[in-house]
Amino acid sequence: MKRILWSALAVLLAASCSSDIQNGRAGTSQETPVPPAGKRPVFDHAAGSVAVGGFNANANVQKFIAHEAAGGRFSAGELQSFFNNVEYKGNIINIMNRPGTSRPWYEFRAANAGAARIAGGRRFYTQHRETIDAAAKGYGVPAEIIVAIIGIETNYGTNMGSFRLADSLSTLAFDYPRRAEFFQQELHELLLMAREEKRDVFGFKGSYAGAMGMPQFMPSSFRKYAVDYDGDGRRDIWNNIGDVAASVANYLKAHGWQSGGKMVVPATLTITQELQNIIDEKTAPTRTVGDLKRLGVMPQQVVDDNEKAILYRLETAPGVYEYYIGLNNFYTVWQYNHSRMYVTAVRDIANGVSGNYRL
């Protein structure tokens, strides 16, 4: 009954704010102005785990409910009904707590951008070429890049995750203190997303960390960048190829993709401590190609000296490194996933799908 109550309330709330959504003010009400939400309450480590007493009995959950209710978007009763229906997923915490392992590029590439992944990309692109090409043209983002991101994220939609996002995000928001603020915000975004999409909040499924659909958008990214490409009233990044392709392209365009620009240029250099320090810096285009040239870095393709650039290296065999210059579009894809190997893998899949080296 409580589950039905929450679904009904979500639909009613969605209907009441539909005009605001159309006007670009998703999640607000003309009748009841929403005050600024302010900073989220500090996570109380002494509150204990939601695994013990349940969600509604947890002090951090109650702080979340009070914070959201104060913002005017949901009532305390609606949120309590929601948490009554959330299921704690302790296995997610176990996954998050596993020690991370750093694989060298030659292993990462084999697992994520090898021949099978490229062949799958060609099949996927051939099957949906007309739709993907149209979306790519509309946003000025290469179709191969769109295909590559779908490929590396979910193997072309075959592995999108089976966790209810309400369960996974609630578990992480209140039983994973290290990232509690982030996951509480994503839970907030999920609640608003369900209302805007006029869908049952418990119907959204995705990864253990809350990413969803073929492009693995977090709820905040969904709300900002997902596109209803075919105009059917839903942003379906799980099944609708047009919505998926346009959403990926929209994300990249919004993060600075430059039509016709390269992503990566191989480089030769004699490593020095100064260059190694640059390689070890945080990923950001703070230098130009000309700056790197003056330090002895030689691009192996023609590139303008004024282009913003990142210098990085990849281990192509045990103890063997190759060096690369990442340009604007490299940094754009890096915004999608903060890994230099990820970006290079996307580039490699895209070049493999297109059949020629151009990105």
Protein backbone atom coordinates (compact mmCIF):
# COMPACT_ATOMS: atom_id res chain seq x y z
CA MET A 1 0.00 0.00 0.00
CA LYS A 2 2.80 2.44 0.90
CA ARG A 3 4.53 1.73 -2.40
CA ILE A 4 1.28 2.51 -4.23
CA LEU A 5 0.86 5.68 -2.19
CA TRP A 6 4.30 6.95 -3.17
CA SER A 7 3.73 6.19 -6.86
CA ALA A 8 0.39 7.98 -6.82
CA LEU A 9 1.85 10.99 -5.07
CA ALA A 10 4.73 11.12 -7.54
CA VAL A 11 2.36 11.16 -10.51
CA LEU A 12 0.18 13.85 -8.94
CA LEU A 13 3.22 15.99 -8.18
CA ALA A 14 4.49 15.50 -11.72
CA ALA A 15 1.21 16.66 -13.21
CA SER A 16 1.14 19.74 -10.99
CA CYS A 17 4.54 20.98 -12.16
CA SER A 18 4.38 20.04 -15.86
CA SER A 19 4.08 23.67 -16.98
CA ASP A 20 7.21 24.55 -15.03
CA ILE A 21 9.11 21.67 -16.63
CA GLN A 22 8.15 22.91 -20.10
CA ASN A 23 9.38 26.38 -19.16
CA GLY A 24 12.73 25.02 -18.05
CA ARG A 25 12.06 25.31 -14.34
CA ALA A 26 11.82 21.61 -13.59
CA GLY A 27 10.91 20.78 -10.02
CA THR A 28 9.50 24.15 -8.95
CA SER A 29 5.95 25.31 -8.33
CA GLN A 30 4.48 28.65 -9.35
CA GLU A 31 2.07 28.54 -6.42
CA THR A 32 4.72 27.74 -3.78
CA PRO A 33 8.11 29.36 -4.49
CA VAL A 34 10.94 27.05 -3.47
CA PRO A 35 13.48 28.67 -1.13
CA PRO A 36 17.19 27.98 -1.62
CA ALA A 37 17.97 24.53 -0.26
CA GLY A 38 21.25 25.56 1.33
CA LYS A 39 24.06 23.23 2.27
CA ARG A 40 23.12 19.69 3.23
CA PRO A 41 23.38 18.74 6.92
CA VAL A 42 26.73 17.31 7.94
CA PHE A 43 26.72 13.52 8.00
CA ASP A 44 26.56 12.25 11.58
CA HIS A 45 28.95 9.31 11.89
CA ALA A 46 27.50 8.45 15.29
CA ALA A 47 24.07 7.82 13.84
CA GLY A 48 24.87 4.20 13.02
CA SER A 49 24.03 2.15 9.97
CA VAL A 50 20.63 2.10 8.29
CA ALA A 51 21.18 -1.66 8.12
CA VAL A 52 20.43 -1.88 11.84
CA GLY A 53 17.27 0.10 12.48
CA GLY A 54 16.05 0.81 8.98
CA PHE A 55 15.98 4.06 7.04
CA ASN A 56 13.26 6.05 8.77
CA ALA A 57 14.74 5.34 12.20
CA ASN A 58 18.14 6.72 11.15
CA ALA A 59 19.16 10.22 12.24
CA ASN A 60 20.87 11.04 8.93
CA VAL A 61 17.78 10.01 6.99
CA GLN A 62 15.64 12.21 9.20
CA LYS A 63 18.01 15.13 8.55
CA PHE A 64 17.67 14.47 4.81
CA ILE A 65 13.88 14.42 5.08
CA ALA A 66 13.83 17.66 7.05
CA HIS A 67 16.19 19.32 4.57
CA GLU A 68 14.15 18.26 1.55
CA ALA A 69 10.85 19.20 3.19
CA ALA A 70 12.25 22.64 4.06
CA GLY A 71 12.99 23.14 0.38
CA GLY A 72 9.29 22.72 -0.41
CA ARG A 73 9.70 20.04 -3.03
CA PHE A 74 8.39 17.10 -1.01
CA SER A 75 6.54 16.72 2.26
CA ALA A 76 8.01 14.79 5.16
CA GLY A 77 5.20 12.26 4.82
CA GLU A 78 5.99 11.58 1.17
CA LEU A 79 9.65 11.01 1.94
CA GLN A 80 8.91 8.77 4.90
CA SER A 81 6.66 6.72 2.63
CA PHE A 82 9.51 6.52 0.12
CA PHE A 83 12.04 5.29 2.69
CA ASN A 84 9.56 2.72 4.01
CA ASN A 85 9.80 1.08 0.59
CA VAL A 86 13.57 1.34 0.07
CA GLU A 87 15.57 -1.87 0.46
CA TYR A 88 19.02 -1.74 2.04
CA LYS A 89 21.70 -3.28 -0.22
CA GLY A 90 24.71 -4.13 1.92
CA ASN A 91 26.51 -5.82 -0.96
CA ILE A 92 26.91 -2.39 -2.55
CA ILE A 93 28.90 -1.18 0.44
CA ASN A 94 31.11 -4.26 0.15
CA ILE A 95 31.77 -3.44 -3.51
CA MET A 96 32.57 0.20 -2.74
CA ASN A 97 34.97 -0.81 0.04
CA ARG A 98 37.03 -3.15 -2.09
CA PRO A 99 40.55 -1.81 -2.51
CA GLY A 100 41.07 -0.25 -5.88
CA THR A 101 43.61 -1.70 -8.27
CA SER A 102 45.36 0.27 -10.96
CA ARG A 103 45.82 -1.63 -14.18
CA PRO A 104 48.38 -0.61 -16.81
CA TRP A 105 47.11 0.65 -20.15
CA TYR A 106 47.86 -2.54 -22.05
CA GLU A 107 45.54 -4.49 -19.74
CA PHE A 108 42.88 -1.78 -19.64
CA ARG A 109 42.81 -1.51 -23.41
CA ALA A 110 42.47 -5.25 -23.92
CA ALA A 111 39.49 -5.35 -21.57
CA ASN A 112 37.74 -2.19 -22.73
CA ALA A 113 38.80 -1.31 -26.26
CA GLY A 114 39.91 -4.58 -27.81
CA ALA A 115 38.88 -6.19 -31.08
CA ALA A 116 35.61 -7.58 -29.68
CA ARG A 117 34.49 -4.18 -28.39
CA ILE A 118 35.32 -2.53 -31.70
CA ALA A 119 33.53 -5.25 -33.68
CA GLY A 120 30.50 -4.83 -31.42
CA GLY A 121 30.61 -1.11 -32.08
CA ARG A 122 30.58 -1.63 -35.82
CA ARG A 123 27.54 -3.90 -35.54
CA PHE A 124 25.74 -1.49 -33.23
CA TYR A 125 26.51 1.46 -35.51
CA THR A 126 25.40 -0.42 -38.63
CA GLN A 127 22.12 -1.38 -36.97
CA HIS A 128 21.32 2.16 -35.81
CA ARG A 129 23.34 4.26 -38.23
CA GLU A 130 20.58 6.53 -39.51
CA THR A 131 19.43 7.53 -36.03
CA ILE A 132 22.93 7.96 -34.59
CA ASP A 133 24.14 9.94 -37.61
CA ALA A 134 21.19 12.32 -37.35
CA ALA A 135 21.81 12.97 -33.66
CA ALA A 136 25.55 13.33 -34.26
CA LYS A 137 25.01 15.88 -37.00
CA GLY A 138 22.59 17.87 -34.88
CA TYR A 139 25.10 18.29 -32.07
CA GLY A 140 28.34 18.37 -34.05
CA VAL A 141 29.76 15.32 -32.29
CA PRO A 142 31.14 12.38 -34.31
CA ALA A 143 28.86 9.35 -34.46
CA GLU A 144 31.82 7.11 -33.69
CA ILE A 145 32.43 8.89 -30.38
CA ILE A 146 28.80 8.42 -29.39
CA VAL A 147 29.03 4.72 -30.26
CA ALA A 148 32.32 4.35 -28.39
CA ILE A 149 30.96 5.83 -25.17
CA ILE A 150 27.91 3.56 -25.28
CA GLY A 151 30.28 0.67 -25.92
CA ILE A 152 32.69 1.30 -23.09
CA GLU A 153 29.93 2.19 -20.60
CA THR A 154 27.50 -0.70 -21.13
CA ASN A 155 28.83 -2.82 -24.00
CA TYR A 156 26.19 -1.31 -26.28
CA GLY A 157 23.36 -1.62 -23.82
CA THR A 158 23.91 -5.24 -22.80
CA ASN A 159 25.07 -4.43 -19.25
CA MET A 160 23.14 -1.46 -17.84
CA GLY A 161 22.80 -2.72 -14.25
CA SER A 162 19.86 -4.24 -12.41
CA PHE A 163 19.80 -2.36 -9.09
CA ARG A 164 16.82 -0.18 -8.27
CA LEU A 165 18.33 3.28 -8.06
CA ALA A 166 16.14 4.08 -5.07
CA ASP A 167 17.85 1.23 -3.22
CA SER A 168 21.42 1.80 -4.38
CA LEU A 169 21.47 5.57 -3.90
CA SER A 170 19.72 5.39 -0.52
CA THR A 171 22.16 2.75 0.68
CA LEU A 172 25.16 4.82 -0.39
CA ALA A 173 23.69 8.10 0.82
CA PHE A 174 23.28 6.83 4.37
CA ASP A 175 25.77 4.00 4.83
CA TYR A 176 28.82 5.20 2.89
CA PRO A 177 30.01 8.26 4.84
CA ARG A 178 33.00 9.02 2.59
CA ARG A 179 30.69 10.05 -0.26
CA ALA A 180 27.49 10.68 1.69
CA GLU A 181 27.01 14.26 0.51
CA PHE A 182 27.42 13.28 -3.14
CA PHE A 183 25.00 10.36 -2.98
CA GLN A 184 22.43 12.31 -0.95
CA GLN A 185 22.47 14.91 -3.70
CA GLU A 186 22.04 12.22 -6.36
CA LEU A 187 19.15 10.75 -4.37
CA HIS A 188 17.58 14.21 -4.33
CA GLU A 189 18.06 14.36 -8.13
CA LEU A 190 16.46 10.92 -8.53
CA LEU A 191 13.36 12.01 -6.62
CA LEU A 192 12.99 15.09 -8.79
CA MET A 193 13.71 13.09 -11.93
CA ALA A 194 10.94 10.61 -11.16
CA ARG A 195 8.49 13.45 -10.71
CA GLU A 196 9.56 15.22 -13.89
CA GLU A 197 9.42 12.03 -15.95
CA LYS A 198 6.05 11.08 -14.38
CA ARG A 199 7.40 7.66 -13.47
CA ASP A 200 7.46 5.48 -10.36
CA VAL A 201 10.71 6.29 -8.56
CA PHE A 202 11.19 2.58 -7.87
CA GLY A 203 11.09 1.78 -11.60
CA PHE A 204 14.51 3.22 -12.41
CA LYS A 205 17.30 0.64 -12.57
CA GLY A 206 21.02 0.98 -13.05
CA SER A 207 24.44 0.24 -11.63
CA TYR A 208 25.31 -0.32 -7.97
CA ALA A 209 26.63 3.27 -7.87
CA GLY A 210 23.46 4.82 -9.31
CA ALA A 211 24.42 5.23 -12.98
CA MET A 212 21.72 4.32 -15.47
CA GLY A 213 20.88 3.59 -19.05
CA MET A 214 23.13 2.94 -22.02
CA PRO A 215 25.24 6.06 -21.32
CA GLN A 216 25.29 5.46 -17.54
CA PHE A 217 24.11 8.90 -16.50
CA MET A 218 23.79 9.72 -12.83
CA PRO A 219 20.42 11.32 -12.01
CA SER A 220 21.95 14.82 -11.96
CA SER A 221 23.38 14.30 -15.45
CA PHE A 222 20.08 12.86 -16.63
CA ARG A 223 18.22 15.96 -15.50
CA LYS A 224 20.75 18.29 -17.13
CA TYR A 225 21.64 16.50 -20.34
CA ALA A 226 19.21 13.71 -21.24
CA VAL A 227 17.24 14.46 -24.41
CA ASP A 228 13.79 13.46 -25.63
CA TYR A 229 15.06 13.22 -29.19
CA ASP A 230 11.95 11.81 -30.84
CA GLY A 231 9.51 14.00 -28.91
CA ASP A 232 7.49 11.15 -27.41
CA GLY A 233 7.41 12.81 -23.98
CA ARG A 234 10.05 10.57 -22.36
CA ARG A 235 13.83 10.74 -22.12
CA ASP A 236 14.44 7.03 -22.50
CA ILE A 237 18.17 6.38 -22.22
CA TRP A 238 17.55 2.66 -21.66
CA ASN A 239 15.83 1.65 -24.89
CA ASN A 240 15.44 4.58 -27.29
CA ILE A 241 18.56 4.85 -29.47
CA GLY A 242 17.70 8.38 -30.58
CA ASP A 243 17.37 9.56 -26.99
CA VAL A 244 20.58 7.75 -26.04
CA ALA A 245 22.66 9.13 -28.90
CA ALA A 246 21.35 12.67 -28.52
CA SER A 247 21.87 12.59 -24.75
CA VAL A 248 25.53 11.53 -25.08
CA ALA A 249 26.09 14.13 -27.80
CA ASN A 250 24.36 16.82 -25.75
CA TYR A 251 26.56 16.03 -22.75
CA LEU A 252 29.75 16.30 -24.81
CA LYS A 253 28.64 19.46 -26.59
CA ALA A 254 27.74 21.08 -23.27
CA HIS A 255 31.21 20.21 -21.96
CA GLY A 256 33.00 21.88 -24.85
CA TRP A 257 33.31 19.41 -27.74
CA GLN A 258 34.76 21.20 -30.78
CA SER A 259 33.57 19.92 -34.15
CA GLY A 260 36.44 18.74 -36.31
CA GLY A 261 38.99 18.83 -33.52
CA LYS A 262 41.34 16.01 -32.62
CA MET A 263 41.42 14.31 -29.23
CA VAL A 264 44.92 12.86 -28.99
CA VAL A 265 48.23 13.38 -30.78
CA PRO A 266 51.19 11.01 -30.21
CA ALA A 267 54.35 12.75 -29.08
CA THR A 268 58.04 12.03 -28.73
CA LEU A 269 60.20 13.40 -25.94
CA THR A 270 63.15 12.76 -23.69
CA ILE A 271 61.70 12.49 -20.23
CA THR A 272 62.95 15.01 -17.69
CA GLN A 273 61.85 15.68 -14.13
CA GLU A 274 60.03 18.80 -15.30
CA LEU A 275 58.09 16.85 -17.92
CA GLN A 276 57.33 14.06 -15.46
CA ASN A 277 55.97 16.67 -13.05
CA ILE A 278 53.69 17.95 -15.81
CA ILE A 279 52.48 14.42 -16.55
CA ASP A 280 51.73 13.93 -12.86
CA GLU A 281 49.65 17.12 -12.62
CA LYS A 282 45.88 17.05 -12.31
CA THR A 283 44.18 16.64 -15.67
CA ALA A 284 43.44 20.14 -16.96
CA PRO A 285 44.48 22.00 -20.12
CA THR A 286 46.61 24.63 -18.39
CA ARG A 287 49.32 24.71 -21.08
CA THR A 288 49.46 25.04 -24.85
CA VAL A 289 51.06 22.82 -27.44
CA GLY A 290 53.63 25.57 -27.90
CA ASP A 291 54.50 25.46 -24.20
CA LEU A 292 55.13 21.72 -24.43
CA LYS A 293 57.22 22.13 -27.58
CA ARG A 294 59.48 24.56 -25.78
CA LEU A 295 60.13 21.84 -23.21
CA GLY A 296 61.13 19.32 -25.88
CA VAL A 297 57.79 17.61 -26.58
CA MET A 298 57.35 16.97 -30.32
CA PRO A 299 53.82 16.26 -31.65
CA GLN A 300 53.77 13.55 -34.30
CA GLN A 301 50.87 15.18 -36.13
CA VAL A 302 50.22 18.75 -37.20
CA VAL A 303 48.61 20.70 -34.38
CA ASP A 304 48.37 24.43 -33.73
CA ASP A 305 50.79 25.77 -31.13
CA ASN A 306 48.00 27.77 -29.50
CA GLU A 307 45.81 24.76 -28.73
CA LYS A 308 45.32 23.97 -25.06
CA ALA A 309 47.02 20.70 -24.19
CA ILE A 310 47.58 17.98 -21.59
CA LEU A 311 50.68 15.80 -21.54
CA TYR A 312 50.25 12.19 -20.42
CA ARG A 313 51.76 8.75 -20.84
CA LEU A 314 50.47 5.19 -21.12
CA GLU A 315 52.24 1.93 -20.34
CA THR A 316 51.92 0.01 -23.61
CA ALA A 317 53.94 -3.01 -22.39
CA PRO A 318 55.52 -3.80 -19.03
CA GLY A 319 57.91 -0.93 -18.33
CA VAL A 320 57.41 0.61 -21.80
CA TYR A 321 55.71 4.02 -22.07
CA GLU A 322 54.35 6.06 -24.93
CA TYR A 323 53.56 9.76 -24.66
CA TYR A 324 50.56 11.70 -25.87
CA ILE A 325 49.19 15.20 -26.05
CA GLY A 326 45.53 15.46 -25.12
CA LEU A 327 43.70 18.37 -26.73
CA ASN A 328 40.36 20.11 -26.05
CA ASN A 329 38.21 17.15 -27.10
CA PHE A 330 40.30 14.84 -24.93
CA TYR A 331 39.43 17.01 -21.95
CA THR A 332 35.76 17.05 -22.98
CA VAL A 333 35.53 13.25 -22.88
CA TRP A 334 37.52 13.25 -19.62
CA GLN A 335 34.59 15.16 -18.11
CA TYR A 336 32.51 12.04 -18.77
CA ASN A 337 34.93 9.80 -16.85
CA HIS A 338 37.98 11.14 -15.03
CA SER A 339 40.46 8.64 -16.43
CA ARG A 340 43.07 9.23 -19.10
CA MET A 341 42.92 5.56 -20.04
CA TYR A 342 39.14 5.77 -20.39
CA VAL A 343 39.41 8.72 -22.79
CA THR A 344 42.08 7.01 -24.88
CA ALA A 345 39.99 3.84 -25.02
CA VAL A 346 37.00 5.87 -26.27
CA ARG A 347 39.25 7.34 -28.96
CA ASP A 348 40.52 3.89 -29.96
CA ILE A 349 37.03 2.38 -30.18
CA ALA A 350 35.82 5.36 -32.22
CA ASN A 351 38.74 5.09 -34.64
CA GLY A 352 38.13 1.34 -34.94
CA VAL A 353 34.44 1.85 -35.65
CA SER A 354 35.16 4.47 -38.31
CA GLY A 355 37.91 2.34 -39.85
CA ASN A 356 40.44 5.15 -40.00
CA TYR A 357 42.59 7.13 -37.59
CA ARG A 358 41.10 10.59 -37.31
CA LEU A 359 40.36 11.52 -33.69
